[in-house]
Amino acid sequence: MPPDARGLPPLFLERLRAVVPAGRYDAVIRTFAQPKPTTLRVNTLKSSASEVWERLTAAGFLLERVPWYREALILRRGRLRELQETDDYRTGAIYVQGLSSLLPPLVLDPQPGETILDLAAAPGSKTTQMAARMQGRGRIVAVDNNRVRCYKLQANVAQQGAAIVEVVLSDGSVFGRRHAGAFDRVLVDAPCSVEGRFLASEPSSYRFWKPAKIHEMVRTQRRLLRAGIEALRPGGMLVYSTCTFAPEENEAVVDWALAQAGEAITLEPITLELPNAAAGLTRWEDRTFQPSLARARRIIPTDQLEGFFIARLRKPPVPGGKIKGSNADG
């Protein structure tokens, strides 16, 4: 076992070797050895990136700009605890957020004035990011089924000044179906096995990983994706994302949805150039997925980026009917 991966589950590493592009396995393994740097998003509802840069550098922090997202900054000198003591943090002018986590809202690209559904929203990082991109105009319904996490979501929404966000405590798979055809865009950043956040030096990050956990997640992911598709208006767009490597939770879930939906949904190419991205898988073990799954994108982890999966789906302008079947577990 490579020294950088010591302690990680051997079966996880075996599966990982089959998932990452050829020749990149050793580089990916090294990313599990060190924590990612603290990264933050400037909340443009409260301040500009240049203003935050000036204030934080004047306070002694060393920052690095992210070339593919002007509102994102990497903290190179200074501690997270010190950052949390700044006025920018306390007032919601900045939000600590992983770089890969920024990508699904960028792919969804919500526009001012639109109606957006975030089906698994807590704690609100992507919800508030979308509110800022919409310039505080339009409506975002942020749904989560956990009461404690909803309180955190509400607190973050208030701190970020995201007045267009309505927080709803509900099972997302139920909420989406009850509001069929009501939303211009839907984000399904699904609960997952969180493999992209494993850290070899922190056994708590992977202690409970096992194949059974993956299959448990798949049931939830299918229900949420199915509900998100139903909630889309004709012509609307949906982004499905996870922070895991497992094909069962990524390509296989989208492949299942495409098969269930028939002509009611299509998988679109992601035209945005994503950092360190690879094509989605079209095969896994003994299973072949629809060729269009190559249009999805896998973010290959680096010292800055977590592993992520992103797929973009579109409902055709003319309604193609409801998704066939009602069993999301089958």
Protein backbone atom coordinates (compact mmCIF):
# COMPACT_ATOMS: atom_id res chain seq x y z
CA MET A 1 0.00 0.00 0.00
CA PRO A 2 1.41 3.47 -0.85
CA PRO A 3 2.53 5.35 2.31
CA ASP A 4 0.14 8.22 1.49
CA ALA A 5 -2.82 5.83 1.63
CA ARG A 6 -1.91 3.87 4.74
CA GLY A 7 -5.06 3.24 6.76
CA LEU A 8 -7.54 3.77 3.94
CA PRO A 9 -9.77 0.74 3.25
CA PRO A 10 -8.03 -1.62 0.77
CA LEU A 11 -11.27 -2.23 -1.13
CA PHE A 12 -11.76 1.53 -1.55
CA LEU A 13 -8.24 1.81 -3.01
CA GLU A 14 -8.87 -1.12 -5.35
CA ARG A 15 -12.04 0.51 -6.62
CA LEU A 16 -10.32 3.89 -6.90
CA ARG A 17 -7.63 2.46 -9.18
CA ALA A 18 -10.37 1.34 -11.57
CA VAL A 19 -12.10 4.75 -11.50
CA VAL A 20 -9.35 7.36 -11.93
CA PRO A 21 -7.80 7.89 -15.38
CA ALA A 22 -4.87 5.67 -16.26
CA GLY A 23 -1.55 7.00 -15.05
CA ARG A 24 -3.03 9.34 -12.43
CA TYR A 25 -3.61 6.91 -9.58
CA ASP A 26 -0.38 7.69 -7.69
CA ALA A 27 -1.00 11.44 -7.91
CA VAL A 28 -4.55 10.96 -6.63
CA ILE A 29 -3.34 8.81 -3.74
CA ARG A 30 -1.00 11.60 -2.62
CA THR A 31 -3.98 13.93 -2.23
CA PHE A 32 -5.26 11.82 0.68
CA ALA A 33 -2.14 12.56 2.73
CA GLN A 34 -2.65 16.26 3.44
CA PRO A 35 -5.70 18.38 4.31
CA LYS A 36 -6.85 20.80 1.63
CA PRO A 37 -6.00 24.48 2.22
CA THR A 38 -8.68 26.74 3.64
CA THR A 39 -10.58 28.30 0.76
CA LEU A 40 -13.29 30.90 0.80
CA ARG A 41 -15.92 32.44 -1.41
CA VAL A 42 -16.58 36.17 -1.43
CA ASN A 43 -20.28 36.88 -0.97
CA THR A 44 -21.03 39.54 -3.58
CA LEU A 45 -24.32 40.35 -1.87
CA LYS A 46 -22.19 41.91 0.89
CA SER A 47 -18.87 42.93 -0.69
CA SER A 48 -16.62 42.63 -3.75
CA ALA A 49 -13.64 40.32 -4.15
CA SER A 50 -11.26 43.27 -4.39
CA GLU A 51 -12.61 44.85 -1.19
CA VAL A 52 -12.30 41.58 0.74
CA TRP A 53 -8.79 41.06 -0.62
CA GLU A 54 -7.71 44.50 0.58
CA ARG A 55 -9.21 44.10 4.04
CA LEU A 56 -7.85 40.61 4.67
CA THR A 57 -4.36 41.34 3.34
CA ALA A 58 -4.26 44.50 5.48
CA ALA A 59 -5.09 42.27 8.45
CA GLY A 60 -2.04 40.11 7.73
CA PHE A 61 -3.57 37.23 5.76
CA LEU A 62 -1.80 35.94 2.66
CA LEU A 63 -4.30 35.07 -0.07
CA GLU A 64 -4.12 33.48 -3.50
CA ARG A 65 -6.66 34.06 -6.24
CA VAL A 66 -8.33 31.12 -7.99
CA PRO A 67 -7.94 31.61 -11.76
CA TRP A 68 -11.21 29.95 -12.74
CA TYR A 69 -13.45 31.77 -10.20
CA ARG A 70 -12.83 35.38 -9.32
CA GLU A 71 -14.84 35.23 -6.09
CA ALA A 72 -12.77 32.34 -4.69
CA LEU A 73 -9.62 32.79 -2.59
CA ILE A 74 -7.11 30.41 -1.05
CA LEU A 75 -5.76 31.19 2.41
CA ARG A 76 -1.99 30.74 2.29
CA ARG A 77 -1.03 32.43 5.55
CA GLY A 78 -3.24 32.70 8.59
CA ARG A 79 -5.43 30.23 10.42
CA LEU A 80 -9.08 29.43 9.96
CA ARG A 81 -9.75 30.41 13.56
CA GLU A 82 -8.22 33.82 12.91
CA LEU A 83 -10.25 34.21 9.73
CA GLN A 84 -13.43 33.44 11.69
CA GLU A 85 -12.64 36.35 14.00
CA THR A 86 -12.70 38.91 11.18
CA ASP A 87 -15.61 41.24 10.45
CA ASP A 88 -15.81 39.81 6.92
CA TYR A 89 -16.54 36.36 8.34
CA ARG A 90 -18.93 37.56 11.06
CA THR A 91 -20.98 39.70 8.68
CA GLY A 92 -21.18 37.07 5.96
CA ALA A 93 -19.00 38.87 3.41
CA ILE A 94 -17.04 35.62 3.07
CA TYR A 95 -17.99 31.96 3.36
CA VAL A 96 -15.50 29.14 3.90
CA GLN A 97 -16.16 26.65 1.09
CA GLY A 98 -14.13 23.96 -0.67
CA LEU A 99 -13.16 24.72 -4.26
CA SER A 100 -14.84 21.64 -5.74
CA SER A 101 -18.02 22.56 -3.88
CA LEU A 102 -18.16 25.78 -5.90
CA LEU A 103 -18.49 23.94 -9.20
CA PRO A 104 -22.10 22.58 -9.26
CA PRO A 105 -23.68 26.07 -8.95
CA LEU A 106 -21.34 27.33 -11.69
CA VAL A 107 -22.51 24.52 -13.98
CA LEU A 108 -26.17 25.13 -13.09
CA ASP A 109 -25.65 28.87 -13.75
CA PRO A 110 -28.84 30.26 -12.15
CA GLN A 111 -29.91 33.61 -13.57
CA PRO A 112 -31.43 36.67 -11.88
CA GLY A 113 -35.21 36.43 -11.74
CA GLU A 114 -35.39 32.64 -12.05
CA THR A 115 -37.01 30.16 -9.66
CA ILE A 116 -34.51 27.63 -8.32
CA LEU A 117 -34.90 24.48 -6.24
CA ASP A 118 -32.05 23.19 -4.05
CA LEU A 119 -33.20 19.73 -2.99
CA ALA A 120 -30.56 18.85 -0.36
CA ALA A 121 -29.52 22.33 0.67
CA ALA A 122 -28.05 22.29 4.20
CA PRO A 123 -25.81 23.81 5.39
CA GLY A 124 -26.31 26.32 2.57
CA SER A 125 -22.94 26.84 0.89
CA LYS A 126 -24.26 26.26 -2.63
CA THR A 127 -27.65 27.84 -1.84
CA THR A 128 -26.08 31.14 -0.82
CA GLN A 129 -23.58 30.96 -3.69
CA MET A 130 -26.52 30.74 -6.09
CA ALA A 131 -28.27 33.67 -4.38
CA ALA A 132 -25.19 35.80 -4.94
CA ARG A 133 -24.90 34.74 -8.59
CA MET A 134 -28.56 35.73 -9.02
CA GLN A 135 -27.73 39.18 -7.57
CA GLY A 136 -30.47 38.75 -4.99
CA ARG A 137 -33.22 38.64 -7.63
CA GLY A 138 -35.55 35.70 -8.12
CA ARG A 139 -36.45 32.88 -5.74
CA ILE A 140 -34.59 29.90 -4.31
CA VAL A 141 -36.40 27.18 -2.38
CA ALA A 142 -33.85 25.40 -0.19
CA VAL A 143 -35.07 22.03 1.08
CA ASP A 144 -33.57 19.73 3.70
CA ASN A 145 -35.12 16.95 5.75
CA ASN A 146 -33.02 17.35 8.92
CA ARG A 147 -34.33 19.84 11.46
CA VAL A 148 -30.94 20.63 13.02
CA ARG A 149 -29.31 21.09 9.63
CA CYS A 150 -32.21 23.31 8.57
CA TYR A 151 -31.49 25.60 11.53
CA LYS A 152 -27.89 25.87 10.32
CA LEU A 153 -29.14 26.51 6.79
CA GLN A 154 -31.42 29.30 8.02
CA ALA A 155 -28.59 30.86 10.02
CA ASN A 156 -26.24 30.85 7.03
CA VAL A 157 -28.90 32.26 4.72
CA ALA A 158 -29.54 35.12 7.18
CA GLN A 159 -25.84 35.81 7.72
CA GLN A 160 -25.20 35.87 3.98
CA GLY A 161 -28.09 38.26 3.36
CA ALA A 162 -29.69 35.83 0.90
CA ALA A 163 -33.20 37.23 1.18
CA ILE A 164 -34.46 35.38 -1.92
CA VAL A 165 -34.00 32.01 -0.18
CA GLU A 166 -36.98 30.23 1.36
CA VAL A 167 -35.93 27.39 3.68
CA VAL A 168 -38.25 24.38 3.78
CA LEU A 169 -37.99 21.46 6.21
CA SER A 170 -39.15 18.53 4.06
CA ASP A 171 -38.14 15.29 2.43
CA GLY A 172 -36.77 16.52 -0.89
CA SER A 173 -38.04 13.46 -2.75
CA VAL A 174 -41.58 14.33 -1.64
CA PHE A 175 -41.29 18.09 -2.12
CA GLY A 176 -40.07 17.81 -5.68
CA ARG A 177 -42.92 15.57 -6.77
CA ARG A 178 -45.48 17.85 -5.10
CA HIS A 179 -44.21 20.83 -7.11
CA ALA A 180 -43.99 19.27 -10.55
CA GLY A 181 -42.94 21.64 -13.32
CA ALA A 182 -42.50 24.61 -10.96
CA PHE A 183 -38.78 25.38 -11.23
CA ASP A 184 -36.48 26.80 -13.89
CA ARG A 185 -33.41 25.03 -12.50
CA VAL A 186 -32.83 22.36 -9.86
CA LEU A 187 -29.70 21.47 -7.91
CA VAL A 188 -29.46 17.95 -6.53
CA ASP A 189 -26.19 17.94 -4.61
CA ALA A 190 -26.98 14.55 -3.20
CA PRO A 191 -25.99 12.98 0.13
CA CYS A 192 -23.25 10.46 -0.62
CA SER A 193 -20.50 8.27 0.81
CA VAL A 194 -18.17 11.31 0.85
CA GLU A 195 -15.16 9.45 -0.56
CA GLY A 196 -13.79 12.69 -1.99
CA ARG A 197 -13.14 13.95 1.54
CA PHE A 198 -11.23 10.97 2.90
CA LEU A 199 -8.03 11.91 4.71
CA ALA A 200 -5.57 9.16 5.60
CA SER A 201 -4.53 10.87 8.83
CA GLU A 202 -8.15 11.17 10.02
CA PRO A 203 -9.71 7.70 10.41
CA SER A 204 -13.04 9.30 11.29
CA SER A 205 -13.34 10.42 7.64
CA TYR A 206 -13.50 6.83 6.36
CA ARG A 207 -14.17 4.64 9.41
CA PHE A 208 -17.73 3.78 8.41
CA TRP A 209 -17.06 3.31 4.69
CA LYS A 210 -18.25 0.03 3.22
CA PRO A 211 -20.02 -1.10 0.05
CA ALA A 212 -23.29 -1.37 1.95
CA LYS A 213 -23.10 2.37 2.68
CA ILE A 214 -22.77 3.07 -1.04
CA HIS A 215 -25.89 1.04 -1.84
CA GLU A 216 -27.77 2.78 0.98
CA MET A 217 -26.88 6.16 -0.55
CA VAL A 218 -28.02 5.07 -4.00
CA ARG A 219 -31.60 4.65 -2.83
CA THR A 220 -31.69 8.22 -1.51
CA GLN A 221 -29.94 9.62 -4.58
CA ARG A 222 -32.38 8.00 -6.96
CA ARG A 223 -35.36 9.38 -5.09
CA LEU A 224 -33.92 12.91 -5.02
CA LEU A 225 -32.92 12.91 -8.67
CA ARG A 226 -36.29 11.57 -9.76
CA ALA A 227 -38.06 14.27 -7.72
CA GLY A 228 -35.75 16.96 -9.09
CA ILE A 229 -36.56 15.98 -12.66
CA GLU A 230 -40.29 16.08 -11.90
CA ALA A 231 -39.91 19.56 -10.36
CA LEU A 232 -38.33 20.98 -13.54
CA ARG A 233 -40.43 23.02 -15.92
CA PRO A 234 -40.22 22.11 -19.63
CA GLY A 235 -36.89 23.42 -20.90
CA GLY A 236 -35.47 23.56 -17.38
CA MET A 237 -32.01 22.42 -16.31
CA LEU A 238 -30.89 20.16 -13.45
CA VAL A 239 -27.42 19.55 -12.05
CA TYR A 240 -26.74 16.32 -10.15
CA SER A 241 -23.53 16.21 -8.11
CA THR A 242 -21.78 14.27 -5.37
CA CYS A 243 -18.43 14.39 -3.57
CA THR A 244 -17.73 10.69 -4.02
CA PHE A 245 -15.86 8.49 -6.51
CA ALA A 246 -18.30 5.57 -6.43
CA PRO A 247 -19.77 4.96 -9.91
CA GLU A 248 -22.84 3.39 -8.28
CA GLU A 249 -23.65 6.83 -6.80
CA ASN A 250 -22.68 8.82 -9.87
CA GLU A 251 -22.94 7.52 -13.44
CA ALA A 252 -25.16 4.61 -12.41
CA VAL A 253 -27.71 6.90 -10.75
CA VAL A 254 -27.85 9.20 -13.78
CA ASP A 255 -28.02 6.18 -16.13
CA TRP A 256 -30.96 4.86 -14.09
CA ALA A 257 -32.74 8.23 -14.31
CA LEU A 258 -32.21 8.44 -18.07
CA ALA A 259 -33.64 4.95 -18.52
CA GLN A 260 -36.64 5.74 -16.33
CA ALA A 261 -37.33 9.11 -17.94
CA GLY A 262 -37.12 8.09 -21.58
CA GLU A 263 -37.52 11.24 -23.69
CA ALA A 264 -38.49 13.32 -20.62
CA ILE A 265 -34.84 14.21 -19.86
CA THR A 266 -31.51 14.37 -21.68
CA LEU A 267 -27.91 14.52 -20.46
CA GLU A 268 -26.21 17.65 -21.77
CA PRO A 269 -22.53 18.35 -22.32
CA ILE A 270 -20.96 20.60 -19.69
CA THR A 271 -19.59 23.47 -21.72
CA LEU A 272 -17.93 25.21 -18.76
CA GLU A 273 -14.25 24.32 -18.58
CA LEU A 274 -13.86 22.68 -15.18
CA PRO A 275 -10.51 22.37 -13.37
CA ASN A 276 -8.79 18.96 -13.55
CA ALA A 277 -11.86 17.31 -15.04
CA ALA A 278 -12.21 13.93 -16.73
CA ALA A 279 -15.10 12.43 -18.68
CA GLY A 280 -17.74 10.38 -16.92
CA LEU A 281 -17.47 6.60 -17.05
CA THR A 282 -19.44 4.61 -19.60
CA ARG A 283 -18.56 1.24 -18.02
CA TRP A 284 -18.15 0.00 -14.47
CA GLU A 285 -17.35 -3.61 -13.62
CA ASP A 286 -19.84 -5.69 -15.63
CA ARG A 287 -22.23 -2.82 -16.33
CA THR A 288 -22.39 -0.61 -19.43
CA PHE A 289 -23.92 2.86 -19.15
CA GLN A 290 -25.48 4.96 -21.86
CA PRO A 291 -22.75 6.52 -24.04
CA SER A 292 -23.95 10.01 -23.12
CA LEU A 293 -22.56 9.49 -19.59
CA ALA A 294 -19.20 10.55 -21.04
CA ARG A 295 -20.71 14.07 -21.00
CA ALA A 296 -20.66 14.08 -17.18
CA ARG A 297 -17.53 15.29 -15.47
CA ARG A 298 -15.39 13.85 -12.70
CA ILE A 299 -13.16 16.30 -10.84
CA ILE A 300 -9.90 14.46 -10.21
CA PRO A 301 -8.56 15.48 -6.78
CA THR A 302 -5.44 17.61 -6.37
CA ASP A 303 -3.82 19.30 -3.39
CA GLN A 304 -6.57 21.94 -3.73
CA LEU A 305 -9.56 20.06 -5.16
CA GLU A 306 -11.68 17.28 -3.69
CA GLY A 307 -12.99 14.48 -5.86
CA PHE A 308 -16.40 15.42 -7.29
CA PHE A 309 -18.94 14.26 -9.86
CA ILE A 310 -21.18 16.61 -11.88
CA ALA A 311 -23.84 15.88 -14.50
CA ARG A 312 -26.15 18.36 -16.24
CA LEU A 313 -29.60 17.31 -17.44
CA ARG A 314 -32.24 19.15 -19.41
CA LYS A 315 -35.99 18.63 -19.72
CA PRO A 316 -37.07 19.21 -23.35
CA PRO A 317 -39.15 22.32 -24.05
CA VAL A 318 -42.15 20.19 -24.95
CA PRO A 319 -43.19 18.00 -22.00
CA GLY A 320 -42.18 14.40 -22.57
CA GLY A 321 -44.38 12.93 -19.91
CA LYS A 322 -43.71 11.77 -16.39
CA ILE A 323 -40.88 9.48 -15.45
CA LYS A 324 -41.93 5.88 -15.79
CA GLY A 325 -42.40 3.81 -12.69
CA SER A 326 -42.52 4.79 -9.06
CA ASN A 327 -39.92 2.53 -7.45
CA ALA A 328 -36.70 4.48 -6.88
CA ASP A 329 -35.12 1.51 -5.12
CA GLY A 330 -35.37 -0.93 -8.00
